[in-house]
Structure formats: structure tokens, C-alpha cells
Amino acid sequence: MDSSDLSLAADLGREMLWVAVKLSFPILLVAIVVSGVISILQATTQLQDQTLNQVPKMFAVAAVIFIVLPWFLSVLVEYTHELLGGMGGWFQ
């Protein structure tokens, strides 16, 4: 393997990780915010039920996935086009 093969593999890996971070960020952000709000409410009301934290978080994450699904698909399609479009130059 020469250095161009290694740099190509590193670039592909970096781009793949960046797409994964971009796609997971909205979901993780909403889950963290909802958990924080529920934790503050639990602390102020002294209601310590474990399921109280999970149910709103599940609904919030499902709502975010539903709302940003078109953006998810556009990011994945763009990444796939870049990946498949660049394949022609790899096999020389």
C-alpha cells in the first residue's frame, strides 16, 4: 500500500464519521435536553420514578427523527453520490 491508498482510506473514514456525527447530533441533543428538563422537574417535585424519564425522551426522539428524516435522507444520498462518484478514480 502506498501513501495515496492510505490517505484515501483515511479520507473515506473521516467523511463517514463526520456523516455519522452530523446525523446523530440532533437526536442526541434532544435526548440530553429532555433528560435535563425531566431531571430538574423530578428534583423539584421529589418524584423519583425511573420510567418518568424514559417515556418523554422516547417520544421526543421519535418526533425529532420524524421531523428531520428528509434532512437525514438528503445527507445520506449526498454522501452516497460522493462515494460512488469517486469510485472511478480509485481503480487506476
PDB file of N, CA and C in Angstrom:
ATOM      1  N   MET A   1       0.843  -1.181   0.000  1.00  0.00           N
ATOM      2  CA  MET A   1       0.000   0.000   0.000  1.00  0.00           C
ATOM      3  C   MET A   1       0.884   1.238   0.000  1.00  0.00           C
ATOM      4  N   ASP A   2       0.597   2.128  -0.893  1.00  0.00           N
ATOM      5  CA  ASP A   2       1.366   3.365  -0.899  1.00  0.00           C
ATOM      6  C   ASP A   2       0.604   4.447  -0.132  1.00  0.00           C
ATOM      7  N   SER A   3       1.203   5.610  -0.057  1.00  0.00           N
ATOM      8  CA  SER A   3       0.633   6.673   0.776  1.00  0.00           C
ATOM      9  C   SER A   3      -0.690   7.203   0.226  1.00  0.00           C
ATOM     10  N   SER A   4      -0.889   7.134  -1.095  1.00  0.00           N
ATOM     11  CA  SER A   4      -2.163   7.617  -1.642  1.00  0.00           C
ATOM     12  C   SER A   4      -3.321   6.705  -1.234  1.00  0.00           C
ATOM     13  N   ASP A   5      -3.057   5.385  -1.148  1.00  0.00           N
ATOM     14  CA  ASP A   5      -4.098   4.464  -0.688  1.00  0.00           C
ATOM     15  C   ASP A   5      -4.455   4.726   0.774  1.00  0.00           C
ATOM     16  N   LEU A   6      -3.429   4.993   1.581  1.00  0.00           N
ATOM     17  CA  LEU A   6      -3.680   5.263   2.994  1.00  0.00           C
ATOM     18  C   LEU A   6      -4.425   6.577   3.193  1.00  0.00           C
ATOM     19  N   SER A   7      -4.068   7.584   2.410  1.00  0.00           N
ATOM     20  CA  SER A   7      -4.770   8.861   2.552  1.00  0.00           C
ATOM     21  C   SER A   7      -6.213   8.744   2.057  1.00  0.00           C
ATOM     22  N   LEU A   8      -6.446   7.945   1.022  1.00  0.00           N
ATOM     23  CA  LEU A   8      -7.808   7.718   0.540  1.00  0.00           C
ATOM     24  C   LEU A   8      -8.644   7.020   1.612  1.00  0.00           C
ATOM     25  N   ALA A   9      -8.065   6.000   2.250  1.00  0.00           N
ATOM     26  CA  ALA A   9      -8.779   5.286   3.309  1.00  0.00           C
ATOM     27  C   ALA A   9      -9.055   6.210   4.493  1.00  0.00           C
ATOM     28  N   ALA A  10      -8.093   7.046   4.832  1.00  0.00           N
ATOM     29  CA  ALA A  10      -8.291   7.993   5.934  1.00  0.00           C
ATOM     30  C   ALA A  10      -9.370   9.013   5.592  1.00  0.00           C
ATOM     31  N   ASP A  11      -9.368   9.505   4.354  1.00  0.00           N
ATOM     32  CA  ASP A  11     -10.393  10.469   3.939  1.00  0.00           C
ATOM     33  C   ASP A  11     -11.785   9.845   3.955  1.00  0.00           C
ATOM     34  N   LEU A  12     -11.892   8.614   3.470  1.00  0.00           N
ATOM     35  CA  LEU A  12     -13.191   7.928   3.481  1.00  0.00           C
ATOM     36  C   LEU A  12     -13.684   7.698   4.910  1.00  0.00           C
ATOM     37  N   GLY A  13     -12.780   7.282   5.784  1.00  0.00           N
ATOM     38  CA  GLY A  13     -13.146   7.069   7.183  1.00  0.00           C
ATOM     39  C   GLY A  13     -13.553   8.354   7.873  1.00  0.00           C
ATOM     40  N   ARG A  14     -12.814   9.434   7.608  1.00  0.00           N
ATOM     41  CA  ARG A  14     -13.131  10.724   8.207  1.00  0.00           C
ATOM     42  C   ARG A  14     -14.500  11.219   7.738  1.00  0.00           C
ATOM     43  N   GLU A  15     -14.762  11.100   6.446  1.00  0.00           N
ATOM     44  CA  GLU A  15     -16.047  11.547   5.907  1.00  0.00           C
ATOM     45  C   GLU A  15     -17.199  10.702   6.465  1.00  0.00           C
ATOM     46  N   MET A  16     -16.978   9.395   6.597  1.00  0.00           N
ATOM     47  CA  MET A  16     -18.007   8.517   7.144  1.00  0.00           C
ATOM     48  C   MET A  16     -18.325   8.891   8.593  1.00  0.00           C
ATOM     49  N   LEU A  17     -17.291   9.146   9.390  1.00  0.00           N
ATOM     50  CA  LEU A  17     -17.518   9.528  10.779  1.00  0.00           C
ATOM     51  C   LEU A  17     -18.209  10.885  10.880  1.00  0.00           C
ATOM     52  N   TRP A  18     -17.850  11.825   9.996  1.00  0.00           N
ATOM     53  CA  TRP A  18     -18.480  13.139  10.016  1.00  0.00           C
ATOM     54  C   TRP A  18     -19.971  13.029   9.689  1.00  0.00           C
ATOM     55  N   VAL A  19     -20.327  12.190   8.729  1.00  0.00           N
ATOM     56  CA  VAL A  19     -21.744  11.990   8.395  1.00  0.00           C
ATOM     57  C   VAL A  19     -22.472  11.367   9.588  1.00  0.00           C
ATOM     58  N   ALA A  20     -21.842  10.406  10.251  1.00  0.00           N
ATOM     59  CA  ALA A  20     -22.472   9.774  11.414  1.00  0.00           C
ATOM     60  C   ALA A  20     -22.692  10.783  12.539  1.00  0.00           C
ATOM     61  N   VAL A  21     -21.719  11.653  12.769  1.00  0.00           N
ATOM     62  CA  VAL A  21     -21.861  12.679  13.808  1.00  0.00           C
ATOM     63  C   VAL A  21     -22.962  13.663  13.433  1.00  0.00           C
ATOM     64  N   LYS A  22     -22.973  14.084  12.166  1.00  0.00           N
ATOM     65  CA  LYS A  22     -23.997  15.029  11.709  1.00  0.00           C
ATOM     66  C   LYS A  22     -25.400  14.451  11.877  1.00  0.00           C
ATOM     67  N   LEU A  23     -25.563  13.181  11.586  1.00  0.00           N
ATOM     68  CA  LEU A  23     -26.885  12.566  11.670  1.00  0.00           C
ATOM     69  C   LEU A  23     -27.314  12.293  13.113  1.00  0.00           C
ATOM     70  N   SER A  24     -26.366  11.995  13.981  1.00  0.00           N
ATOM     71  CA  SER A  24     -26.740  11.664  15.355  1.00  0.00           C
ATOM     72  C   SER A  24     -26.877  12.888  16.254  1.00  0.00           C
ATOM     73  N   PHE A  25     -26.314  14.031  15.856  1.00  0.00           N
ATOM     74  CA  PHE A  25     -26.321  15.208  16.720  1.00  0.00           C
ATOM     75  C   PHE A  25     -27.720  15.689  17.101  1.00  0.00           C
ATOM     76  N   PRO A  26     -28.665  15.855  16.167  1.00  0.00           N
ATOM     77  CA  PRO A  26     -29.991  16.341  16.584  1.00  0.00           C
ATOM     78  C   PRO A  26     -30.693  15.401  17.560  1.00  0.00           C
ATOM     79  N   ILE A  27     -30.548  14.112  17.347  1.00  0.00           N
ATOM     80  CA  ILE A  27     -31.201  13.138  18.221  1.00  0.00           C
ATOM     81  C   ILE A  27     -30.591  13.183  19.614  1.00  0.00           C
ATOM     82  N   LEU A  28     -29.261  13.202  19.681  1.00  0.00           N
ATOM     83  CA  LEU A  28     -28.598  13.239  20.982  1.00  0.00           C
ATOM     84  C   LEU A  28     -28.882  14.539  21.719  1.00  0.00           C
ATOM     85  N   LEU A  29     -28.911  15.649  20.995  1.00  0.00           N
ATOM     86  CA  LEU A  29     -29.179  16.942  21.623  1.00  0.00           C
ATOM     87  C   LEU A  29     -30.571  16.969  22.250  1.00  0.00           C
ATOM     88  N   VAL A  30     -31.568  16.481  21.529  1.00  0.00           N
ATOM     89  CA  VAL A  30     -32.932  16.461  22.069  1.00  0.00           C
ATOM     90  C   VAL A  30     -33.024  15.517  23.263  1.00  0.00           C
ATOM     91  N   ALA A  31     -32.377  14.369  23.183  1.00  0.00           N
ATOM     92  CA  ALA A  31     -32.415  13.423  24.301  1.00  0.00           C
ATOM     93  C   ALA A  31     -31.773  14.025  25.550  1.00  0.00           C
ATOM     94  N   ILE A  32     -30.672  14.743  25.382  1.00  0.00           N
ATOM     95  CA  ILE A  32     -29.999  15.365  26.526  1.00  0.00           C
ATOM     96  C   ILE A  32     -30.855  16.481  27.119  1.00  0.00           C
ATOM     97  N   VAL A  33     -31.435  17.319  26.261  1.00  0.00           N
ATOM     98  CA  VAL A  33     -32.261  18.429  26.756  1.00  0.00           C
ATOM     99  C   VAL A  33     -33.496  17.905  27.486  1.00  0.00           C
ATOM    100  N   VAL A  34     -34.169  16.926  26.903  1.00  0.00           N
ATOM    101  CA  VAL A  34     -35.369  16.372  27.548  1.00  0.00           C
ATOM    102  C   VAL A  34     -34.997  15.703  28.867  1.00  0.00           C
ATOM    103  N   SER A  35     -33.884  14.988  28.908  1.00  0.00           N
ATOM    104  CA  SER A  35     -33.450  14.358  30.157  1.00  0.00           C
ATOM    105  C   SER A  35     -33.154  15.400  31.223  1.00  0.00           C
ATOM    106  N   GLY A  36     -32.512  16.487  30.817  1.00  0.00           N
ATOM    107  CA  GLY A  36     -32.215  17.552  31.778  1.00  0.00           C
ATOM    108  C   GLY A  36     -33.467  18.197  32.330  1.00  0.00           C
ATOM    109  N   VAL A  37     -34.425  18.484  31.460  1.00  0.00           N
ATOM    110  CA  VAL A  37     -35.683  19.101  31.914  1.00  0.00           C
ATOM    111  C   VAL A  37     -36.436  18.159  32.847  1.00  0.00           C
ATOM    112  N   ILE A  38     -36.519  16.903  32.490  1.00  0.00           N
ATOM    113  CA  ILE A  38     -37.220  15.928  33.338  1.00  0.00           C
ATOM    114  C   ILE A  38     -36.490  15.757  34.666  1.00  0.00           C
ATOM    115  N   SER A  39     -35.168  15.755  34.645  1.00  0.00           N
ATOM    116  CA  SER A  39     -34.408  15.631  35.892  1.00  0.00           C
ATOM    117  C   SER A  39     -34.649  16.818  36.810  1.00  0.00           C
ATOM    118  N   ILE A  40     -34.712  18.021  36.235  1.00  0.00           N
ATOM    119  CA  ILE A  40     -34.998  19.207  37.054  1.00  0.00           C
ATOM    120  C   ILE A  40     -36.403  19.113  37.641  1.00  0.00           C
ATOM    121  N   LEU A  41     -37.369  18.686  36.835  1.00  0.00           N
ATOM    122  CA  LEU A  41     -38.733  18.523  37.346  1.00  0.00           C
ATOM    123  C   LEU A  41     -38.806  17.455  38.431  1.00  0.00           C
ATOM    124  N   GLN A  42     -38.064  16.368  38.265  1.00  0.00           N
ATOM    125  CA  GLN A  42     -38.053  15.322  39.284  1.00  0.00           C
ATOM    126  C   GLN A  42     -37.414  15.823  40.571  1.00  0.00           C
ATOM    127  N   ALA A  43     -36.368  16.628  40.441  1.00  0.00           N
ATOM    128  CA  ALA A  43     -35.702  17.138  41.637  1.00  0.00           C
ATOM    129  C   ALA A  43     -36.583  18.134  42.385  1.00  0.00           C
ATOM    130  N   THR A  44     -37.320  18.953  41.651  1.00  0.00           N
ATOM    131  CA  THR A  44     -38.158  19.947  42.327  1.00  0.00           C
ATOM    132  C   THR A  44     -39.417  19.331  42.927  1.00  0.00           C
ATOM    133  N   THR A  45     -39.950  18.310  42.298  1.00  0.00           N
ATOM    134  CA  THR A  45     -41.171  17.685  42.824  1.00  0.00           C
ATOM    135  C   THR A  45     -40.876  16.474  43.699  1.00  0.00           C
ATOM    136  N   GLN A  46     -39.640  16.065  43.782  1.00  0.00           N
ATOM    137  CA  GLN A  46     -39.196  14.892  44.538  1.00  0.00           C
ATOM    138  C   GLN A  46     -39.925  13.623  44.106  1.00  0.00           C
ATOM    139  N   LEU A  47     -40.236  13.558  42.834  1.00  0.00           N
ATOM    140  CA  LEU A  47     -40.843  12.368  42.242  1.00  0.00           C
ATOM    141  C   LEU A  47     -39.722  11.588  41.564  1.00  0.00           C
ATOM    142  N   GLN A  48     -39.372  10.431  42.099  1.00  0.00           N
ATOM    143  CA  GLN A  48     -38.208   9.684  41.624  1.00  0.00           C
ATOM    144  C   GLN A  48     -38.617   8.397  40.910  1.00  0.00           C
ATOM    145  N   ASP A  49     -39.410   8.513  39.888  1.00  0.00           N
ATOM    146  CA  ASP A  49     -39.823   7.358  39.098  1.00  0.00           C
ATOM    147  C   ASP A  49     -38.909   7.246  37.879  1.00  0.00           C
ATOM    148  N   GLN A  50     -38.298   6.094  37.666  1.00  0.00           N
ATOM    149  CA  GLN A  50     -37.348   5.919  36.569  1.00  0.00           C
ATOM    150  C   GLN A  50     -38.022   5.955  35.205  1.00  0.00           C
ATOM    151  N   THR A  51     -39.246   5.477  35.117  1.00  0.00           N
ATOM    152  CA  THR A  51     -39.925   5.465  33.820  1.00  0.00           C
ATOM    153  C   THR A  51     -40.364   6.856  33.392  1.00  0.00           C
ATOM    154  N   LEU A  52     -40.478   7.768  34.337  1.00  0.00           N
ATOM    155  CA  LEU A  52     -40.876   9.134  34.012  1.00  0.00           C
ATOM    156  C   LEU A  52     -39.842   9.805  33.113  1.00  0.00           C
ATOM    157  N   ASN A  53     -38.605   9.406  33.221  1.00  0.00           N
ATOM    158  CA  ASN A  53     -37.542   9.977  32.393  1.00  0.00           C
ATOM    159  C   ASN A  53     -37.521   9.360  30.997  1.00  0.00           C
ATOM    160  N   GLN A  54     -37.877   8.103  30.877  1.00  0.00           N
ATOM    161  CA  GLN A  54     -37.726   7.392  29.608  1.00  0.00           C
ATOM    162  C   GLN A  54     -38.842   7.673  28.608  1.00  0.00           C
ATOM    163  N   VAL A  55     -40.069   7.754  29.063  1.00  0.00           N
ATOM    164  CA  VAL A  55     -41.204   7.898  28.145  1.00  0.00           C
ATOM    165  C   VAL A  55     -41.166   9.226  27.381  1.00  0.00           C
ATOM    166  N   PRO A  56     -40.996  10.378  28.046  1.00  0.00           N
ATOM    167  CA  PRO A  56     -40.915  11.624  27.266  1.00  0.00           C
ATOM    168  C   PRO A  56     -39.707  11.657  26.336  1.00  0.00           C
ATOM    169  N   LYS A  57     -38.610  11.059  26.778  1.00  0.00           N
ATOM    170  CA  LYS A  57     -37.419  11.030  25.930  1.00  0.00           C
ATOM    171  C   LYS A  57     -37.671  10.206  24.668  1.00  0.00           C
ATOM    172  N   MET A  58     -38.364   9.078  24.804  1.00  0.00           N
ATOM    173  CA  MET A  58     -38.670   8.259  23.630  1.00  0.00           C
ATOM    174  C   MET A  58     -39.568   9.006  22.654  1.00  0.00           C
ATOM    175  N   PHE A  59     -40.583   9.693  23.169  1.00  0.00           N
ATOM    176  CA  PHE A  59     -41.474  10.455  22.295  1.00  0.00           C
ATOM    177  C   PHE A  59     -40.744  11.621  21.632  1.00  0.00           C
ATOM    178  N   ALA A  60     -39.877  12.298  22.378  1.00  0.00           N
ATOM    179  CA  ALA A  60     -39.133  13.429  21.815  1.00  0.00           C
ATOM    180  C   ALA A  60     -38.174  12.964  20.726  1.00  0.00           C
ATOM    181  N   VAL A  61     -37.482  11.863  20.965  1.00  0.00           N
ATOM    182  CA  VAL A  61     -36.550  11.334  19.963  1.00  0.00           C
ATOM    183  C   VAL A  61     -37.313  10.869  18.722  1.00  0.00           C
ATOM    184  N   ALA A  62     -38.440  10.217  18.915  1.00  0.00           N
ATOM    185  CA  ALA A  62     -39.247   9.787  17.763  1.00  0.00           C
ATOM    186  C   ALA A  62     -39.743  10.989  16.968  1.00  0.00           C
ATOM    187  N   ALA A  63     -40.144  12.050  17.658  1.00  0.00           N
ATOM    188  CA  ALA A  63     -40.607  13.256  16.965  1.00  0.00           C
ATOM    189  C   ALA A  63     -39.479  13.906  16.178  1.00  0.00           C
ATOM    190  N   VAL A  64     -38.290  13.958  16.767  1.00  0.00           N
ATOM    191  CA  VAL A  64     -37.148  14.557  16.063  1.00  0.00           C
ATOM    192  C   VAL A  64     -36.782  13.731  14.840  1.00  0.00           C
ATOM    193  N   ILE A  65     -36.782  12.427  14.971  1.00  0.00           N
ATOM    194  CA  ILE A  65     -36.477  11.575  13.817  1.00  0.00           C
ATOM    195  C   ILE A  65     -37.497  11.813  12.708  1.00  0.00           C
ATOM    196  N   PHE A  66     -38.755  11.915  13.073  1.00  0.00           N
ATOM    197  CA  PHE A  66     -39.801  12.154  12.075  1.00  0.00           C
ATOM    198  C   PHE A  66     -39.631  13.519  11.411  1.00  0.00           C
ATOM    199  N   ILE A  67     -39.271  14.529  12.195  1.00  0.00           N
ATOM    200  CA  ILE A  67     -39.132  15.888  11.660  1.00  0.00           C
ATOM    201  C   ILE A  67     -37.913  16.022  10.752  1.00  0.00           C
ATOM    202  N   VAL A  68     -36.787  15.438  11.153  1.00  0.00           N
ATOM    203  CA  VAL A  68     -35.549  15.635  10.384  1.00  0.00           C
ATOM    204  C   VAL A  68     -35.264  14.498   9.404  1.00  0.00           C
ATOM    205  N   LEU A  69     -36.209  13.592   9.219  1.00  0.00           N
ATOM    206  CA  LEU A  69     -35.998  12.484   8.287  1.00  0.00           C
ATOM    207  C   LEU A  69     -35.676  12.946   6.867  1.00  0.00           C
ATOM    208  N   PRO A  70     -36.339  13.959   6.317  1.00  0.00           N
ATOM    209  CA  PRO A  70     -35.947  14.412   4.971  1.00  0.00           C
ATOM    210  C   PRO A  70     -34.497  14.909   4.911  1.00  0.00           C
ATOM    211  N   TRP A  71     -34.068  15.597   5.955  1.00  0.00           N
ATOM    212  CA  TRP A  71     -32.675  16.056   6.002  1.00  0.00           C
ATOM    213  C   TRP A  71     -31.723  14.869   6.107  1.00  0.00           C
ATOM    214  N   PHE A  72     -32.065  13.869   6.954  1.00  0.00           N
ATOM    215  CA  PHE A  72     -31.256  12.653   7.062  1.00  0.00           C
ATOM    216  C   PHE A  72     -31.063  12.021   5.692  1.00  0.00           C
ATOM    217  N   LEU A  73     -32.170  11.862   4.982  1.00  0.00           N
ATOM    218  CA  LEU A  73     -32.102  11.208   3.677  1.00  0.00           C
ATOM    219  C   LEU A  73     -31.281  12.017   2.686  1.00  0.00           C
ATOM    220  N   SER A  74     -31.403  13.337   2.709  1.00  0.00           N
ATOM    221  CA  SER A  74     -30.612  14.150   1.776  1.00  0.00           C
ATOM    222  C   SER A  74     -29.126  14.059   2.088  1.00  0.00           C
ATOM    223  N   VAL A  75     -28.761  14.027   3.363  1.00  0.00           N
ATOM    224  CA  VAL A  75     -27.344  13.884   3.734  1.00  0.00           C
ATOM    225  C   VAL A  75     -26.822  12.524   3.286  1.00  0.00           C
ATOM    226  N   LEU A  76     -27.602  11.470   3.506  1.00  0.00           N
ATOM    227  CA  LEU A  76     -27.157  10.135   3.109  1.00  0.00           C
ATOM    228  C   LEU A  76     -27.065   9.987   1.594  1.00  0.00           C
ATOM    229  N   VAL A  77     -28.009  10.564   0.867  1.00  0.00           N
ATOM    230  CA  VAL A  77     -27.966  10.492  -0.596  1.00  0.00           C
ATOM    231  C   VAL A  77     -26.767  11.272  -1.125  1.00  0.00           C
ATOM    232  N   GLU A  78     -26.513  12.449  -0.563  1.00  0.00           N
ATOM    233  CA  GLU A  78     -25.354  13.242  -0.990  1.00  0.00           C
ATOM    234  C   GLU A  78     -24.048  12.496  -0.723  1.00  0.00           C
ATOM    235  N   TYR A  79     -23.936  11.886   0.460  1.00  0.00           N
ATOM    236  CA  TYR A  79     -22.730  11.121   0.794  1.00  0.00           C
ATOM    237  C   TYR A  79     -22.573   9.925  -0.142  1.00  0.00           C
ATOM    238  N   THR A  80     -23.663   9.241  -0.444  1.00  0.00           N
ATOM    239  CA  THR A  80     -23.599   8.091  -1.341  1.00  0.00           C
ATOM    240  C   THR A  80     -23.200   8.507  -2.749  1.00  0.00           C
ATOM    241  N   HIS A  81     -23.723   9.631  -3.222  1.00  0.00           N
ATOM    242  CA  HIS A  81     -23.339  10.127  -4.550  1.00  0.00           C
ATOM    243  C   HIS A  81     -21.851  10.461  -4.592  1.00  0.00           C
ATOM    244  N   GLU A  82     -21.349  11.122  -3.547  1.00  0.00           N
ATOM    245  CA  GLU A  82     -19.922  11.443  -3.497  1.00  0.00           C
ATOM    246  C   GLU A  82     -19.079  10.173  -3.452  1.00  0.00           C
ATOM    247  N   LEU A  83     -19.524   9.208  -2.668  1.00  0.00           N
ATOM    248  CA  LEU A  83     -18.773   7.964  -2.517  1.00  0.00           C
ATOM    249  C   LEU A  83     -18.750   7.171  -3.816  1.00  0.00           C
ATOM    250  N   LEU A  84     -19.912   6.993  -4.429  1.00  0.00           N
ATOM    251  CA  LEU A  84     -19.972   6.213  -5.663  1.00  0.00           C
ATOM    252  C   LEU A  84     -19.394   6.981  -6.845  1.00  0.00           C
ATOM    253  N   GLY A  85     -19.520   8.296  -6.842  1.00  0.00           N
ATOM    254  CA  GLY A  85     -18.953   9.102  -7.919  1.00  0.00           C
ATOM    255  C   GLY A  85     -17.438   9.102  -7.915  1.00  0.00           C
ATOM    256  N   GLY A  86     -16.837   8.971  -6.754  1.00  0.00           N
ATOM    257  CA  GLY A  86     -15.383   8.955  -6.660  1.00  0.00           C
ATOM    258  C   GLY A  86     -14.764   7.594  -6.882  1.00  0.00           C
ATOM    259  N   MET A  87     -15.575   6.570  -7.022  1.00  0.00           N
ATOM    260  CA  MET A  87     -15.042   5.216  -7.184  1.00  0.00           C
ATOM    261  C   MET A  87     -14.263   5.037  -8.478  1.00  0.00           C
ATOM    262  N   GLY A  88     -14.628   5.786  -9.511  1.00  0.00           N
ATOM    263  CA  GLY A  88     -13.948   5.624 -10.792  1.00  0.00           C
ATOM    264  C   GLY A  88     -12.463   5.925 -10.710  1.00  0.00           C
ATOM    265  N   GLY A  89     -12.078   6.871  -9.887  1.00  0.00           N
ATOM    266  CA  GLY A  89     -10.675   7.229  -9.751  1.00  0.00           C
ATOM    267  C   GLY A  89      -9.884   6.309  -8.843  1.00  0.00           C
ATOM    268  N   TRP A  90     -10.544   5.440  -8.108  1.00  0.00           N
ATOM    269  CA  TRP A  90      -9.845   4.571  -7.168  1.00  0.00           C
ATOM    270  C   TRP A  90      -9.150   3.406  -7.855  1.00  0.00           C
ATOM    271  N   PHE A  91      -9.689   2.959  -8.968  1.00  0.00           N
ATOM    272  CA  PHE A  91      -9.195   1.739  -9.607  1.00  0.00           C
ATOM    273  C   PHE A  91      -8.367   2.074 -10.839  1.00  0.00           C
ATOM    274  N   GLN A  92      -7.252   2.692 -10.635  1.00  0.00           N
ATOM    275  CA  GLN A  92      -6.383   3.030 -11.766  1.00  0.00           C
ATOM    276  C   GLN A  92      -5.047   2.342 -11.632  1.00  0.00           C
TER     277      GLN A  92
END
